[in-house]
Amino acid sequence: MKPLYLTAALAAAVLLSGCGKKAETPAAEPSAAPAPAVASAASDMGKMDMPVGATMAKSTGTVTAIDKVAGKITLDHKAIPEVKWPAMTMAFAAKPALLESVAVGDKVAFDVTITGNAGEVTAIKKQ
């Protein structure tokens, strides 16, 4: 959890370092069009609300891939209302023992701890 606080503190320091400084860019020509807005990373996931801290949740789904080397399991899961996520297919971190207990194609019920836009499967059971 400390790396998360360190990252947040570093990001805040960088963002605040520019406060009060005047921009040193040349004035734009009056006829120049404004730059297009850049989409945020959250827009890639359907503008879902992402919690700041860890949230425990449960869902069900189908195992679509297992990567034992990377410690990842990909699940085509139903909605996760605790974090306002719709049904989707995504990869989650998982301990090796959990990955050994299921196979691609298995229908499963699982517990997940979600932090930001990533999650870790903490329990999984074939249905």
C-alpha atoms as a PDB file:
ATOM      1  CA  MET A   1       0.000   0.000   0.000  1.00  0.00           C
ATOM      2  CA  LYS A   2       2.988   2.307   0.603  1.00  0.00           C
ATOM      3  CA  PRO A   3       3.890   2.473  -3.120  1.00  0.00           C
ATOM      4  CA  LEU A   4       0.351   3.728  -3.828  1.00  0.00           C
ATOM      5  CA  TYR A   5       0.732   6.558  -1.300  1.00  0.00           C
ATOM      6  CA  LEU A   6       4.214   7.362  -2.604  1.00  0.00           C
ATOM      7  CA  THR A   7       2.920   7.498  -6.174  1.00  0.00           C
ATOM      8  CA  ALA A   8       0.005   9.738  -5.172  1.00  0.00           C
ATOM      9  CA  ALA A   9       2.287  12.077  -3.222  1.00  0.00           C
ATOM     10  CA  LEU A  10       4.756  12.298  -6.108  1.00  0.00           C
ATOM     11  CA  ALA A  11       1.959  13.006  -8.595  1.00  0.00           C
ATOM     12  CA  ALA A  12       0.543  15.734  -6.336  1.00  0.00           C
ATOM     13  CA  ALA A  13       3.984  17.339  -5.969  1.00  0.00           C
ATOM     14  CA  VAL A  14       4.520  17.376  -9.728  1.00  0.00           C
ATOM     15  CA  LEU A  15       1.077  18.811 -10.400  1.00  0.00           C
ATOM     16  CA  LEU A  16       1.379  21.467  -7.699  1.00  0.00           C
ATOM     17  CA  SER A  17       4.890  22.517  -8.763  1.00  0.00           C
ATOM     18  CA  GLY A  18       3.425  24.444 -11.689  1.00  0.00           C
ATOM     19  CA  CYS A  19       0.835  26.336  -9.619  1.00  0.00           C
ATOM     20  CA  GLY A  20       1.250  30.086  -9.744  1.00  0.00           C
ATOM     21  CA  LYS A  21       3.696  30.027 -12.645  1.00  0.00           C
ATOM     22  CA  LYS A  22       2.825  31.944 -15.769  1.00  0.00           C
ATOM     23  CA  ALA A  23       2.873  29.995 -19.009  1.00  0.00           C
ATOM     24  CA  GLU A  24       5.931  30.778 -21.093  1.00  0.00           C
ATOM     25  CA  THR A  25       4.520  29.811 -24.470  1.00  0.00           C
ATOM     26  CA  PRO A  26       4.131  32.273 -27.326  1.00  0.00           C
ATOM     27  CA  ALA A  27       0.646  33.668 -27.858  1.00  0.00           C
ATOM     28  CA  ALA A  28      -1.437  31.707 -30.317  1.00  0.00           C
ATOM     29  CA  GLU A  29      -2.635  33.345 -33.466  1.00  0.00           C
ATOM     30  CA  PRO A  30      -6.244  34.547 -33.152  1.00  0.00           C
ATOM     31  CA  SER A  31      -7.296  32.332 -36.067  1.00  0.00           C
ATOM     32  CA  ALA A  32      -5.684  29.191 -34.629  1.00  0.00           C
ATOM     33  CA  ALA A  33      -8.167  26.466 -33.704  1.00  0.00           C
ATOM     34  CA  PRO A  34      -8.087  25.175 -30.105  1.00  0.00           C
ATOM     35  CA  ALA A  35      -6.293  21.887 -29.550  1.00  0.00           C
ATOM     36  CA  PRO A  36      -8.598  18.867 -29.383  1.00  0.00           C
ATOM     37  CA  ALA A  37      -9.293  17.463 -25.939  1.00  0.00           C
ATOM     38  CA  VAL A  38      -7.392  14.315 -25.008  1.00  0.00           C
ATOM     39  CA  ALA A  39      -9.489  11.395 -23.809  1.00  0.00           C
ATOM     40  CA  SER A  40      -8.746  10.206 -20.292  1.00  0.00           C
ATOM     41  CA  ALA A  41      -7.673   6.653 -19.540  1.00  0.00           C
ATOM     42  CA  ALA A  42     -10.986   6.076 -17.757  1.00  0.00           C
ATOM     43  CA  SER A  43     -12.857   6.568 -21.029  1.00  0.00           C
ATOM     44  CA  ASP A  44     -11.294   3.344 -22.283  1.00  0.00           C
ATOM     45  CA  MET A  45     -13.387   1.413 -19.769  1.00  0.00           C
ATOM     46  CA  GLY A  46     -16.751   2.959 -20.544  1.00  0.00           C
ATOM     47  CA  LYS A  47     -16.462   5.881 -18.124  1.00  0.00           C
ATOM     48  CA  MET A  48     -16.889   3.561 -15.155  1.00  0.00           C
ATOM     49  CA  ASP A  49     -16.474   4.967 -11.665  1.00  0.00           C
ATOM     50  CA  MET A  50     -13.195   3.751 -10.193  1.00  0.00           C
ATOM     51  CA  PRO A  51     -12.709   3.558  -6.429  1.00  0.00           C
ATOM     52  CA  VAL A  52      -9.632   5.161  -4.871  1.00  0.00           C
ATOM     53  CA  GLY A  53      -9.092   2.432  -2.253  1.00  0.00           C
ATOM     54  CA  ALA A  54      -9.430  -1.325  -2.433  1.00  0.00           C
ATOM     55  CA  THR A  55     -12.943  -2.742  -2.740  1.00  0.00           C
ATOM     56  CA  MET A  56     -13.953  -6.353  -2.135  1.00  0.00           C
ATOM     57  CA  ALA A  57     -16.460  -7.787  -4.598  1.00  0.00           C
ATOM     58  CA  LYS A  58     -17.925 -11.051  -5.912  1.00  0.00           C
ATOM     59  CA  SER A  59     -19.009 -12.082  -9.381  1.00  0.00           C
ATOM     60  CA  THR A  60     -19.399 -15.042 -11.693  1.00  0.00           C
ATOM     61  CA  GLY A  61     -18.060 -15.740 -15.137  1.00  0.00           C
ATOM     62  CA  THR A  62     -16.166 -18.022 -17.486  1.00  0.00           C
ATOM     63  CA  VAL A  63     -12.405 -18.574 -17.549  1.00  0.00           C
ATOM     64  CA  THR A  64     -11.150 -17.553 -21.012  1.00  0.00           C
ATOM     65  CA  ALA A  65      -7.367 -17.666 -20.427  1.00  0.00           C
ATOM     66  CA  ILE A  66      -4.810 -18.576 -17.783  1.00  0.00           C
ATOM     67  CA  ASP A  67      -1.229 -17.263 -17.795  1.00  0.00           C
ATOM     68  CA  LYS A  68       0.608 -19.083 -15.002  1.00  0.00           C
ATOM     69  CA  VAL A  69       3.921 -17.357 -15.756  1.00  0.00           C
ATOM     70  CA  ALA A  70       2.408 -13.859 -15.417  1.00  0.00           C
ATOM     71  CA  GLY A  71       0.034 -14.887 -12.601  1.00  0.00           C
ATOM     72  CA  LYS A  72      -3.054 -13.760 -14.562  1.00  0.00           C
ATOM     73  CA  ILE A  73      -6.495 -15.196 -15.181  1.00  0.00           C
ATOM     74  CA  THR A  74      -8.824 -13.762 -17.809  1.00  0.00           C
ATOM     75  CA  LEU A  75     -12.508 -13.933 -16.978  1.00  0.00           C
ATOM     76  CA  ASP A  76     -15.580 -13.116 -19.053  1.00  0.00           C
ATOM     77  CA  HIS A  77     -17.468 -11.895 -15.982  1.00  0.00           C
ATOM     78  CA  LYS A  78     -20.895 -10.545 -15.141  1.00  0.00           C
ATOM     79  CA  ALA A  79     -21.357  -7.009 -13.827  1.00  0.00           C
ATOM     80  CA  ILE A  80     -19.574  -6.065 -10.591  1.00  0.00           C
ATOM     81  CA  PRO A  81     -21.978  -3.575  -8.966  1.00  0.00           C
ATOM     82  CA  GLU A  82     -19.672  -2.746  -6.026  1.00  0.00           C
ATOM     83  CA  VAL A  83     -17.459  -0.757  -8.433  1.00  0.00           C
ATOM     84  CA  LYS A  84     -20.089  -0.069 -11.108  1.00  0.00           C
ATOM     85  CA  TRP A  85     -18.342  -2.243 -13.711  1.00  0.00           C
ATOM     86  CA  PRO A  86     -20.484  -3.723 -16.473  1.00  0.00           C
ATOM     87  CA  ALA A  87     -20.066  -7.283 -17.675  1.00  0.00           C
ATOM     88  CA  MET A  88     -16.817  -7.615 -19.636  1.00  0.00           C
ATOM     89  CA  THR A  89     -13.794  -9.788 -20.297  1.00  0.00           C
ATOM     90  CA  MET A  90     -10.649  -8.773 -18.436  1.00  0.00           C
ATOM     91  CA  ALA A  91      -7.474 -10.163 -16.865  1.00  0.00           C
ATOM     92  CA  PHE A  92      -6.986 -10.281 -13.111  1.00  0.00           C
ATOM     93  CA  ALA A  93      -3.933 -11.074 -11.019  1.00  0.00           C
ATOM     94  CA  ALA A  94      -4.185 -14.372  -9.133  1.00  0.00           C
ATOM     95  CA  LYS A  95      -2.001 -16.518  -6.888  1.00  0.00           C
ATOM     96  CA  PRO A  96      -0.576 -19.681  -8.523  1.00  0.00           C
ATOM     97  CA  ALA A  97      -2.687 -22.022  -6.347  1.00  0.00           C
ATOM     98  CA  LEU A  98      -5.885 -20.404  -7.605  1.00  0.00           C
ATOM     99  CA  LEU A  99      -4.759 -20.764 -11.224  1.00  0.00           C
ATOM    100  CA  GLU A 100      -4.179 -24.502 -10.662  1.00  0.00           C
ATOM    101  CA  SER A 101      -7.756 -25.014  -9.447  1.00  0.00           C
ATOM    102  CA  VAL A 102      -9.515 -24.024 -12.698  1.00  0.00           C
ATOM    103  CA  ALA A 103      -9.213 -24.506 -16.455  1.00  0.00           C
ATOM    104  CA  VAL A 104     -10.143 -22.502 -19.548  1.00  0.00           C
ATOM    105  CA  GLY A 105     -13.865 -22.889 -20.175  1.00  0.00           C
ATOM    106  CA  ASP A 106     -14.808 -23.406 -16.500  1.00  0.00           C
ATOM    107  CA  LYS A 107     -17.823 -21.492 -15.184  1.00  0.00           C
ATOM    108  CA  VAL A 108     -16.742 -19.939 -11.876  1.00  0.00           C
ATOM    109  CA  ALA A 109     -17.797 -17.812  -8.927  1.00  0.00           C
ATOM    110  CA  PHE A 110     -14.983 -15.604  -7.649  1.00  0.00           C
ATOM    111  CA  ASP A 111     -14.016 -13.037  -5.042  1.00  0.00           C
ATOM    112  CA  VAL A 112     -11.925 -10.104  -6.192  1.00  0.00           C
ATOM    113  CA  THR A 113     -10.142  -7.198  -4.547  1.00  0.00           C
ATOM    114  CA  ILE A 114     -10.295  -4.157  -6.827  1.00  0.00           C
ATOM    115  CA  THR A 115      -7.911  -1.224  -6.538  1.00  0.00           C
ATOM    116  CA  GLY A 116      -8.322   1.506  -9.138  1.00  0.00           C
ATOM    117  CA  ASN A 117      -8.995  -0.232 -12.443  1.00  0.00           C
ATOM    118  CA  ALA A 118      -7.184  -3.492 -11.615  1.00  0.00           C
ATOM    119  CA  GLY A 119      -8.211  -6.474  -9.575  1.00  0.00           C
ATOM    120  CA  GLU A 120      -6.848  -9.584  -7.922  1.00  0.00           C
ATOM    121  CA  VAL A 121      -8.886 -12.749  -7.673  1.00  0.00           C
ATOM    122  CA  THR A 122      -8.638 -13.870  -4.048  1.00  0.00           C
ATOM    123  CA  ALA A 123     -10.927 -16.924  -4.228  1.00  0.00           C
ATOM    124  CA  ILE A 124     -12.395 -18.912  -7.100  1.00  0.00           C
ATOM    125  CA  LYS A 125     -14.729 -21.907  -7.255  1.00  0.00           C
ATOM    126  CA  LYS A 126     -16.048 -23.936 -10.176  1.00  0.00           C
ATOM    127  CA  GLN A 127     -19.821 -23.817 -10.524  1.00  0.00           C
END
